[in-house]
Amino acid sequence: MGTVTVIGDETAIRGWALVGAIVCAAAEPAAVRQAWADLDDTAALVILTPTAARVLGPELVERTRFLVAVIPP
């Protein structure tokens, strides 16, 4: 079974740790891109804040080995 990883601003995602998700706090665009690049083979679901999704843009469709979801605004 794979892991769930959440990427975005810390205040928006910190609660996800309570359900066992790996929380990658990334407020700046460079940190979002780094967290995305650092995803390993255990990632099955990646949840992004709307801001993180905008930062990644077209990169979201380039990696298809896991499911990506964006938290509604």
Protein backbone atom coordinates (compact mmCIF):
# COMPACT_ATOMS: atom_id res chain seq x y z
CA MET A 1 0.00 0.00 0.00
CA GLY A 2 1.32 3.46 -0.90
CA THR A 3 1.56 6.61 1.09
CA VAL A 4 -0.45 9.83 1.02
CA THR A 5 1.58 13.02 0.73
CA VAL A 6 0.21 16.54 1.07
CA ILE A 7 2.11 19.54 -0.33
CA GLY A 8 1.35 23.20 0.35
CA ASP A 9 1.28 26.00 2.86
CA GLU A 10 1.71 24.66 6.40
CA THR A 11 -1.41 26.27 7.84
CA ALA A 12 -3.54 24.70 5.14
CA ILE A 13 -2.15 21.16 5.40
CA ARG A 14 -0.94 20.48 8.92
CA GLY A 15 -4.16 18.70 9.92
CA TRP A 16 -3.50 15.99 7.34
CA ALA A 17 -0.78 14.59 9.60
CA LEU A 18 -3.53 13.52 12.02
CA VAL A 19 -4.74 10.95 9.49
CA GLY A 20 -1.26 9.65 8.74
CA ALA A 21 -0.39 11.66 5.64
CA ILE A 22 3.15 12.81 5.00
CA VAL A 23 2.99 16.60 5.23
CA CYS A 24 5.42 18.63 3.12
CA ALA A 25 5.08 22.26 4.14
CA ALA A 26 6.03 24.38 1.15
CA ALA A 27 5.06 28.04 1.07
CA GLU A 28 7.44 29.23 -1.66
CA PRO A 29 7.31 28.04 -5.29
CA ALA A 30 10.83 26.61 -5.08
CA ALA A 31 9.86 24.56 -2.00
CA VAL A 32 6.75 23.24 -3.78
CA ARG A 33 8.83 22.16 -6.77
CA GLN A 34 11.40 20.52 -4.49
CA ALA A 35 8.74 18.61 -2.55
CA TRP A 36 7.28 17.42 -5.86
CA ALA A 37 10.71 16.35 -7.13
CA ASP A 38 11.42 14.52 -3.85
CA LEU A 39 8.36 12.24 -4.05
CA ASP A 40 9.51 8.64 -3.91
CA ASP A 41 8.15 5.38 -5.24
CA THR A 42 5.94 4.84 -2.19
CA ALA A 43 3.69 7.81 -3.01
CA ALA A 44 0.24 6.64 -4.15
CA LEU A 45 -1.77 9.82 -3.61
CA VAL A 46 -0.50 13.40 -3.64
CA ILE A 47 -2.82 16.09 -2.33
CA LEU A 48 -2.00 19.69 -3.24
CA THR A 49 -3.27 23.03 -2.09
CA PRO A 50 -4.61 25.18 -4.96
CA THR A 51 -1.51 27.37 -4.76
CA ALA A 52 0.84 24.39 -4.98
CA ALA A 53 -1.12 23.06 -7.96
CA ARG A 54 -0.77 26.42 -9.75
CA VAL A 55 2.98 26.42 -9.10
CA LEU A 56 3.37 22.95 -10.58
CA GLY A 57 1.05 23.59 -13.53
CA PRO A 58 1.96 21.33 -16.48
CA GLU A 59 4.30 19.24 -14.32
CA LEU A 60 1.18 17.61 -12.83
CA VAL A 61 0.50 15.61 -15.97
CA GLU A 62 4.10 14.58 -16.53
CA ARG A 63 4.20 12.21 -13.55
CA THR A 64 1.44 9.65 -13.77
CA ARG A 65 2.51 6.96 -11.30
CA PHE A 66 0.34 8.37 -8.53
CA LEU A 67 -3.06 9.99 -8.18
CA VAL A 68 -3.08 13.77 -7.70
CA ALA A 69 -5.90 15.67 -6.00
CA VAL A 70 -6.25 19.39 -5.35
CA ILE A 71 -7.91 20.64 -2.17
CA PRO A 72 -10.88 22.85 -3.09
CA PRO A 73 -10.36 26.54 -2.30
